[in-house]
Amino acid sequence: MSNIESLRGTTPAEIFESGLENIEQIAAVTMSVAWNDGRVTAGWSNMDPGTLARLVLVLDEAQRRRTIPPDELDA
């Protein structure tokens, strides 16, 4: 099962530094960047469409479980 961890409170520099420190363990990267002027840039590296879709679905499921009351999840 996938492990979703919040990066809330982590600076972009800390995220990139951790990535560089753990580069040998990283298979692919997907990210979204919210710029100060309101633009959003999103993209992914060397992953196939199926892996990208799975990543998006796992994040969606994690977000739903955090925001939807448990009794409404299975309805």
PDB file of N, CA and C in Angstrom:
ATOM      1  N   MET A   1       0.844  -1.182   0.000  1.00  0.00           N
ATOM      2  CA  MET A   1       0.000   0.000   0.000  1.00  0.00           C
ATOM      3  C   MET A   1       0.884   1.239   0.000  1.00  0.00           C
ATOM      4  N   SER A   2       0.408   2.282  -0.584  1.00  0.00           N
ATOM      5  CA  SER A   2       1.152   3.535  -0.652  1.00  0.00           C
ATOM      6  C   SER A   2       1.123   4.256   0.682  1.00  0.00           C
ATOM      7  N   ASN A   3       2.167   5.002   0.938  1.00  0.00           N
ATOM      8  CA  ASN A   3       2.260   5.788   2.157  1.00  0.00           C
ATOM      9  C   ASN A   3       2.187   7.260   1.771  1.00  0.00           C
ATOM     10  N   ILE A   4       1.140   7.936   2.191  1.00  0.00           N
ATOM     11  CA  ILE A   4       0.967   9.355   1.891  1.00  0.00           C
ATOM     12  C   ILE A   4       1.386  10.152   3.119  1.00  0.00           C
ATOM     13  N   GLU A   5       2.304  11.063   2.939  1.00  0.00           N
ATOM     14  CA  GLU A   5       2.763  11.897   4.038  1.00  0.00           C
ATOM     15  C   GLU A   5       2.541  13.358   3.693  1.00  0.00           C
ATOM     16  N   SER A   6       2.103  14.122   4.666  1.00  0.00           N
ATOM     17  CA  SER A   6       1.910  15.550   4.454  1.00  0.00           C
ATOM     18  C   SER A   6       3.256  16.266   4.437  1.00  0.00           C
ATOM     19  N   LEU A   7       3.401  17.185   3.525  1.00  0.00           N
ATOM     20  CA  LEU A   7       4.591  18.027   3.474  1.00  0.00           C
ATOM     21  C   LEU A   7       4.281  19.428   3.988  1.00  0.00           C
ATOM     22  N   ARG A   8       3.125  19.579   4.598  1.00  0.00           N
ATOM     23  CA  ARG A   8       2.692  20.883   5.109  1.00  0.00           C
ATOM     24  C   ARG A   8       3.741  21.434   6.074  1.00  0.00           C
ATOM     25  N   GLY A   9       4.110  22.671   5.876  1.00  0.00           N
ATOM     26  CA  GLY A   9       5.095  23.310   6.733  1.00  0.00           C
ATOM     27  C   GLY A   9       6.534  23.118   6.259  1.00  0.00           C
ATOM     28  N   THR A  10       6.721  22.266   5.270  1.00  0.00           N
ATOM     29  CA  THR A  10       8.056  22.027   4.717  1.00  0.00           C
ATOM     30  C   THR A  10       8.312  23.038   3.604  1.00  0.00           C
ATOM     31  N   THR A  11       9.478  23.622   3.601  1.00  0.00           N
ATOM     32  CA  THR A  11       9.793  24.596   2.556  1.00  0.00           C
ATOM     33  C   THR A  11      10.171  23.880   1.259  1.00  0.00           C
ATOM     34  N   PRO A  12       9.986  24.540   0.117  1.00  0.00           N
ATOM     35  CA  PRO A  12      10.420  23.937  -1.143  1.00  0.00           C
ATOM     36  C   PRO A  12      11.894  23.529  -1.120  1.00  0.00           C
ATOM     37  N   ALA A  13      12.745  24.343  -0.503  1.00  0.00           N
ATOM     38  CA  ALA A  13      14.171  24.010  -0.432  1.00  0.00           C
ATOM     39  C   ALA A  13      14.392  22.713   0.331  1.00  0.00           C
ATOM     40  N   GLU A  14      13.668  22.507   1.418  1.00  0.00           N
ATOM     41  CA  GLU A  14      13.797  21.273   2.198  1.00  0.00           C
ATOM     42  C   GLU A  14      13.348  20.055   1.392  1.00  0.00           C
ATOM     43  N   ILE A  15      12.301  20.216   0.614  1.00  0.00           N
ATOM     44  CA  ILE A  15      11.807  19.107  -0.217  1.00  0.00           C
ATOM     45  C   ILE A  15      12.859  18.730  -1.255  1.00  0.00           C
ATOM     46  N   PHE A  16      13.412  19.719  -1.950  1.00  0.00           N
ATOM     47  CA  PHE A  16      14.416  19.441  -2.976  1.00  0.00           C
ATOM     48  C   PHE A  16      15.701  18.885  -2.357  1.00  0.00           C
ATOM     49  N   GLU A  17      16.090  19.403  -1.207  1.00  0.00           N
ATOM     50  CA  GLU A  17      17.288  18.901  -0.534  1.00  0.00           C
ATOM     51  C   GLU A  17      17.118  17.431  -0.151  1.00  0.00           C
ATOM     52  N   SER A  18      15.949  17.084   0.380  1.00  0.00           N
ATOM     53  CA  SER A  18      15.672  15.691   0.733  1.00  0.00           C
ATOM     54  C   SER A  18      15.694  14.803  -0.509  1.00  0.00           C
ATOM     55  N   GLY A  19      15.156  15.319  -1.607  1.00  0.00           N
ATOM     56  CA  GLY A  19      15.177  14.568  -2.855  1.00  0.00           C
ATOM     57  C   GLY A  19      16.593  14.290  -3.324  1.00  0.00           C
ATOM     58  N   LEU A  20      17.447  15.289  -3.232  1.00  0.00           N
ATOM     59  CA  LEU A  20      18.838  15.104  -3.642  1.00  0.00           C
ATOM     60  C   LEU A  20      19.559  14.115  -2.728  1.00  0.00           C
ATOM     61  N   GLU A  21      19.254  14.171  -1.431  1.00  0.00           N
ATOM     62  CA  GLU A  21      19.878  13.252  -0.474  1.00  0.00           C
ATOM     63  C   GLU A  21      19.425  11.807  -0.696  1.00  0.00           C
ATOM     64  N   ASN A  22      18.233  11.630  -1.246  1.00  0.00           N
ATOM     65  CA  ASN A  22      17.661  10.288  -1.423  1.00  0.00           C
ATOM     66  C   ASN A  22      17.479   9.915  -2.888  1.00  0.00           C
ATOM     67  N   ILE A  23      18.258  10.523  -3.755  1.00  0.00           N
ATOM     68  CA  ILE A  23      18.073  10.372  -5.199  1.00  0.00           C
ATOM     69  C   ILE A  23      18.106   8.915  -5.659  1.00  0.00           C
ATOM     70  N   GLU A  24      18.892   8.082  -5.032  1.00  0.00           N
ATOM     71  CA  GLU A  24      19.007   6.680  -5.440  1.00  0.00           C
ATOM     72  C   GLU A  24      17.731   5.891  -5.154  1.00  0.00           C
ATOM     73  N   GLN A  25      16.884   6.386  -4.260  1.00  0.00           N
ATOM     74  CA  GLN A  25      15.661   5.687  -3.891  1.00  0.00           C
ATOM     75  C   GLN A  25      14.437   6.178  -4.669  1.00  0.00           C
ATOM     76  N   ILE A  26      14.583   7.221  -5.439  1.00  0.00           N
ATOM     77  CA  ILE A  26      13.453   7.839  -6.136  1.00  0.00           C
ATOM     78  C   ILE A  26      13.341   7.279  -7.550  1.00  0.00           C
ATOM     79  N   ALA A  27      12.175   6.715  -7.864  1.00  0.00           N
ATOM     80  CA  ALA A  27      11.947   6.145  -9.194  1.00  0.00           C
ATOM     81  C   ALA A  27      11.404   7.187 -10.177  1.00  0.00           C
ATOM     82  N   ALA A  28      10.576   8.089  -9.704  1.00  0.00           N
ATOM     83  CA  ALA A  28       9.972   9.110 -10.560  1.00  0.00           C
ATOM     84  C   ALA A  28       9.421  10.216  -9.667  1.00  0.00           C
ATOM     85  N   VAL A  29       9.107  11.338 -10.287  1.00  0.00           N
ATOM     86  CA  VAL A  29       8.621  12.500  -9.536  1.00  0.00           C
ATOM     87  C   VAL A  29       7.435  13.115 -10.256  1.00  0.00           C
ATOM     88  N   THR A  30       6.445  13.527  -9.480  1.00  0.00           N
ATOM     89  CA  THR A  30       5.357  14.344  -9.994  1.00  0.00           C
ATOM     90  C   THR A  30       5.198  15.514  -9.035  1.00  0.00           C
ATOM     91  N   MET A  31       4.876  16.673  -9.582  1.00  0.00           N
ATOM     92  CA  MET A  31       4.765  17.828  -8.706  1.00  0.00           C
ATOM     93  C   MET A  31       3.872  18.904  -9.313  1.00  0.00           C
ATOM     94  N   SER A  32       3.399  19.737  -8.440  1.00  0.00           N
ATOM     95  CA  SER A  32       2.678  20.943  -8.831  1.00  0.00           C
ATOM     96  C   SER A  32       3.336  22.106  -8.108  1.00  0.00           C
ATOM     97  N   VAL A  33       3.479  23.208  -8.798  1.00  0.00           N
ATOM     98  CA  VAL A  33       4.078  24.396  -8.207  1.00  0.00           C
ATOM     99  C   VAL A  33       3.075  25.536  -8.295  1.00  0.00           C
ATOM    100  N   ALA A  34       2.768  26.140  -7.154  1.00  0.00           N
ATOM    101  CA  ALA A  34       1.915  27.331  -7.113  1.00  0.00           C
ATOM    102  C   ALA A  34       2.851  28.541  -7.032  1.00  0.00           C
ATOM    103  N   TRP A  35       2.856  29.344  -8.074  1.00  0.00           N
ATOM    104  CA  TRP A  35       3.725  30.510  -8.135  1.00  0.00           C
ATOM    105  C   TRP A  35       3.079  31.691  -7.421  1.00  0.00           C
ATOM    106  N   ASN A  36       3.882  32.643  -6.977  1.00  0.00           N
ATOM    107  CA  ASN A  36       3.373  33.819  -6.267  1.00  0.00           C
ATOM    108  C   ASN A  36       2.388  34.632  -7.096  1.00  0.00           C
ATOM    109  N   ASP A  37       2.509  34.570  -8.420  1.00  0.00           N
ATOM    110  CA  ASP A  37       1.605  35.356  -9.272  1.00  0.00           C
ATOM    111  C   ASP A  37       0.283  34.627  -9.561  1.00  0.00           C
ATOM    112  N   GLY A  38       0.069  33.456  -8.943  1.00  0.00           N
ATOM    113  CA  GLY A  38      -1.188  32.733  -9.105  1.00  0.00           C
ATOM    114  C   GLY A  38      -1.151  31.605 -10.120  1.00  0.00           C
ATOM    115  N   ARG A  39      -0.091  31.531 -10.942  1.00  0.00           N
ATOM    116  CA  ARG A  39       0.008  30.439 -11.908  1.00  0.00           C
ATOM    117  C   ARG A  39       0.275  29.120 -11.202  1.00  0.00           C
ATOM    118  N   VAL A  40      -0.119  28.023 -11.839  1.00  0.00           N
ATOM    119  CA  VAL A  40       0.181  26.685 -11.351  1.00  0.00           C
ATOM    120  C   VAL A  40       0.838  25.911 -12.487  1.00  0.00           C
ATOM    121  N   THR A  41       1.959  25.297 -12.179  1.00  0.00           N
ATOM    122  CA  THR A  41       2.669  24.458 -13.130  1.00  0.00           C
ATOM    123  C   THR A  41       2.671  23.045 -12.565  1.00  0.00           C
ATOM    124  N   ALA A  42       2.320  22.080 -13.390  1.00  0.00           N
ATOM    125  CA  ALA A  42       2.312  20.683 -12.934  1.00  0.00           C
ATOM    126  C   ALA A  42       2.965  19.809 -13.990  1.00  0.00           C
ATOM    127  N   GLY A  43       3.576  18.742 -13.532  1.00  0.00           N
ATOM    128  CA  GLY A  43       4.206  17.834 -14.476  1.00  0.00           C
ATOM    129  C   GLY A  43       4.746  16.604 -13.782  1.00  0.00           C
ATOM    130  N   TRP A  44       5.350  15.720 -14.571  1.00  0.00           N
ATOM    131  CA  TRP A  44       5.918  14.493 -14.022  1.00  0.00           C
ATOM    132  C   TRP A  44       7.141  14.115 -14.818  1.00  0.00           C
ATOM    133  N   SER A  45       7.957  13.269 -14.208  1.00  0.00           N
ATOM    134  CA  SER A  45       9.181  12.847 -14.871  1.00  0.00           C
ATOM    135  C   SER A  45       8.934  11.547 -15.620  1.00  0.00           C
ATOM    136  N   ASN A  46       9.843  10.661 -15.530  1.00  0.00           N
ATOM    137  CA  ASN A  46       9.893   9.439 -16.329  1.00  0.00           C
ATOM    138  C   ASN A  46       8.956   8.333 -15.828  1.00  0.00           C
ATOM    139  N   MET A  47       7.663   8.577 -15.788  1.00  0.00           N
ATOM    140  CA  MET A  47       6.735   7.519 -15.391  1.00  0.00           C
ATOM    141  C   MET A  47       5.702   7.310 -16.482  1.00  0.00           C
ATOM    142  N   ASP A  48       5.275   6.085 -16.604  1.00  0.00           N
ATOM    143  CA  ASP A  48       4.277   5.763 -17.626  1.00  0.00           C
ATOM    144  C   ASP A  48       2.904   6.275 -17.192  1.00  0.00           C
ATOM    145  N   PRO A  49       1.967   6.423 -18.116  1.00  0.00           N
ATOM    146  CA  PRO A  49       0.640   6.953 -17.788  1.00  0.00           C
ATOM    147  C   PRO A  49      -0.095   6.148 -16.714  1.00  0.00           C
ATOM    148  N   GLY A  50       0.085   4.832 -16.686  1.00  0.00           N
ATOM    149  CA  GLY A  50      -0.577   4.007 -15.671  1.00  0.00           C
ATOM    150  C   GLY A  50      -0.079   4.315 -14.271  1.00  0.00           C
ATOM    151  N   THR A  51       1.209   4.501 -14.132  1.00  0.00           N
ATOM    152  CA  THR A  51       1.785   4.841 -12.827  1.00  0.00           C
ATOM    153  C   THR A  51       1.334   6.230 -12.398  1.00  0.00           C
ATOM    154  N   LEU A  52       1.310   7.161 -13.328  1.00  0.00           N
ATOM    155  CA  LEU A  52       0.838   8.510 -13.023  1.00  0.00           C
ATOM    156  C   LEU A  52      -0.620   8.471 -12.570  1.00  0.00           C
ATOM    157  N   ALA A  53      -1.454   7.718 -13.257  1.00  0.00           N
ATOM    158  CA  ALA A  53      -2.865   7.613 -12.882  1.00  0.00           C
ATOM    159  C   ALA A  53      -3.010   7.022 -11.483  1.00  0.00           C
ATOM    160  N   ARG A  54      -2.219   5.986 -11.182  1.00  0.00           N
ATOM    161  CA  ARG A  54      -2.281   5.375  -9.845  1.00  0.00           C
ATOM    162  C   ARG A  54      -1.887   6.381  -8.774  1.00  0.00           C
ATOM    163  N   LEU A  55      -0.837   7.170  -9.048  1.00  0.00           N
ATOM    164  CA  LEU A  55      -0.399   8.172  -8.104  1.00  0.00           C
ATOM    165  C   LEU A  55      -1.509   9.186  -7.820  1.00  0.00           C
ATOM    166  N   VAL A  56      -2.159   9.652  -8.861  1.00  0.00           N
ATOM    167  CA  VAL A  56      -3.248  10.617  -8.700  1.00  0.00           C
ATOM    168  C   VAL A  56      -4.409   9.993  -7.908  1.00  0.00           C
ATOM    169  N   LEU A  57      -4.747   8.746  -8.210  1.00  0.00           N
ATOM    170  CA  LEU A  57      -5.839   8.077  -7.503  1.00  0.00           C
ATOM    171  C   LEU A  57      -5.526   7.872  -6.021  1.00  0.00           C
ATOM    172  N   VAL A  58      -4.289   7.519  -5.709  1.00  0.00           N
ATOM    173  CA  VAL A  58      -3.897   7.327  -4.315  1.00  0.00           C
ATOM    174  C   VAL A  58      -3.987   8.647  -3.550  1.00  0.00           C
ATOM    175  N   LEU A  59      -3.521   9.731  -4.161  1.00  0.00           N
ATOM    176  CA  LEU A  59      -3.623  11.042  -3.512  1.00  0.00           C
ATOM    177  C   LEU A  59      -5.078  11.462  -3.330  1.00  0.00           C
ATOM    178  N   ASP A  60      -5.915  11.199  -4.339  1.00  0.00           N
ATOM    179  CA  ASP A  60      -7.327  11.527  -4.256  1.00  0.00           C
ATOM    180  C   ASP A  60      -7.991  10.754  -3.112  1.00  0.00           C
ATOM    181  N   GLU A  61      -7.701   9.476  -3.004  1.00  0.00           N
ATOM    182  CA  GLU A  61      -8.283   8.657  -1.940  1.00  0.00           C
ATOM    183  C   GLU A  61      -7.840   9.153  -0.566  1.00  0.00           C
ATOM    184  N   ALA A  62      -6.576   9.487  -0.423  1.00  0.00           N
ATOM    185  CA  ALA A  62      -6.080  10.001   0.855  1.00  0.00           C
ATOM    186  C   ALA A  62      -6.774  11.303   1.225  1.00  0.00           C
ATOM    187  N   GLN A  63      -6.944  12.189   0.246  1.00  0.00           N
ATOM    188  CA  GLN A  63      -7.615  13.465   0.517  1.00  0.00           C
ATOM    189  C   GLN A  63      -9.077  13.250   0.889  1.00  0.00           C
ATOM    190  N   ARG A  64      -9.746  12.343   0.203  1.00  0.00           N
ATOM    191  CA  ARG A  64     -11.148  12.055   0.528  1.00  0.00           C
ATOM    192  C   ARG A  64     -11.281  11.534   1.955  1.00  0.00           C
ATOM    193  N   ARG A  65     -10.383  10.649   2.352  1.00  0.00           N
ATOM    194  CA  ARG A  65     -10.441  10.082   3.709  1.00  0.00           C
ATOM    195  C   ARG A  65     -10.164  11.137   4.770  1.00  0.00           C
ATOM    196  N   ARG A  66      -9.415  12.181   4.412  1.00  0.00           N
ATOM    197  CA  ARG A  66      -9.138  13.258   5.366  1.00  0.00           C
ATOM    198  C   ARG A  66     -10.285  14.254   5.471  1.00  0.00           C
ATOM    199  N   THR A  67     -11.109  14.348   4.425  1.00  0.00           N
ATOM    200  CA  THR A  67     -12.112  15.414   4.394  1.00  0.00           C
ATOM    201  C   THR A  67     -13.564  14.945   4.432  1.00  0.00           C
ATOM    202  N   ILE A  68     -13.820  13.670   4.144  1.00  0.00           N
ATOM    203  CA  ILE A  68     -15.181  13.156   4.135  1.00  0.00           C
ATOM    204  C   ILE A  68     -15.408  12.319   5.385  1.00  0.00           C
ATOM    205  N   PRO A  69     -16.484  12.557   6.118  1.00  0.00           N
ATOM    206  CA  PRO A  69     -16.752  11.769   7.317  1.00  0.00           C
ATOM    207  C   PRO A  69     -16.804  10.258   6.966  1.00  0.00           C
ATOM    208  N   PRO A  70     -16.281   9.415   7.851  1.00  0.00           N
ATOM    209  CA  PRO A  70     -16.208   7.974   7.579  1.00  0.00           C
ATOM    210  C   PRO A  70     -17.536   7.339   7.177  1.00  0.00           C
ATOM    211  N   ASP A  71     -18.638   7.781   7.768  1.00  0.00           N
ATOM    212  CA  ASP A  71     -19.940   7.179   7.437  1.00  0.00           C
ATOM    213  C   ASP A  71     -20.414   7.559   6.025  1.00  0.00           C
ATOM    214  N   GLU A  72     -19.805   8.583   5.424  1.00  0.00           N
ATOM    215  CA  GLU A  72     -20.171   8.989   4.070  1.00  0.00           C
ATOM    216  C   GLU A  72     -19.244   8.390   2.992  1.00  0.00           C
ATOM    217  N   LEU A  73     -18.100   7.846   3.407  1.00  0.00           N
ATOM    218  CA  LEU A  73     -17.134   7.315   2.460  1.00  0.00           C
ATOM    219  C   LEU A  73     -17.677   6.137   1.663  1.00  0.00           C
ATOM    220  N   ASP A  74     -18.372   5.236   2.311  1.00  0.00           N
ATOM    221  CA  ASP A  74     -18.840   4.024   1.665  1.00  0.00           C
ATOM    222  C   ASP A  74     -20.257   4.141   1.121  1.00  0.00           C
ATOM    223  N   ALA A  75     -20.834   5.309   1.245  1.00  0.00           N
ATOM    224  CA  ALA A  75     -22.225   5.500   0.786  1.00  0.00           C
ATOM    225  C   ALA A  75     -22.313   5.565  -0.708  1.00  0.00           C
TER     226      ALA A  75
END
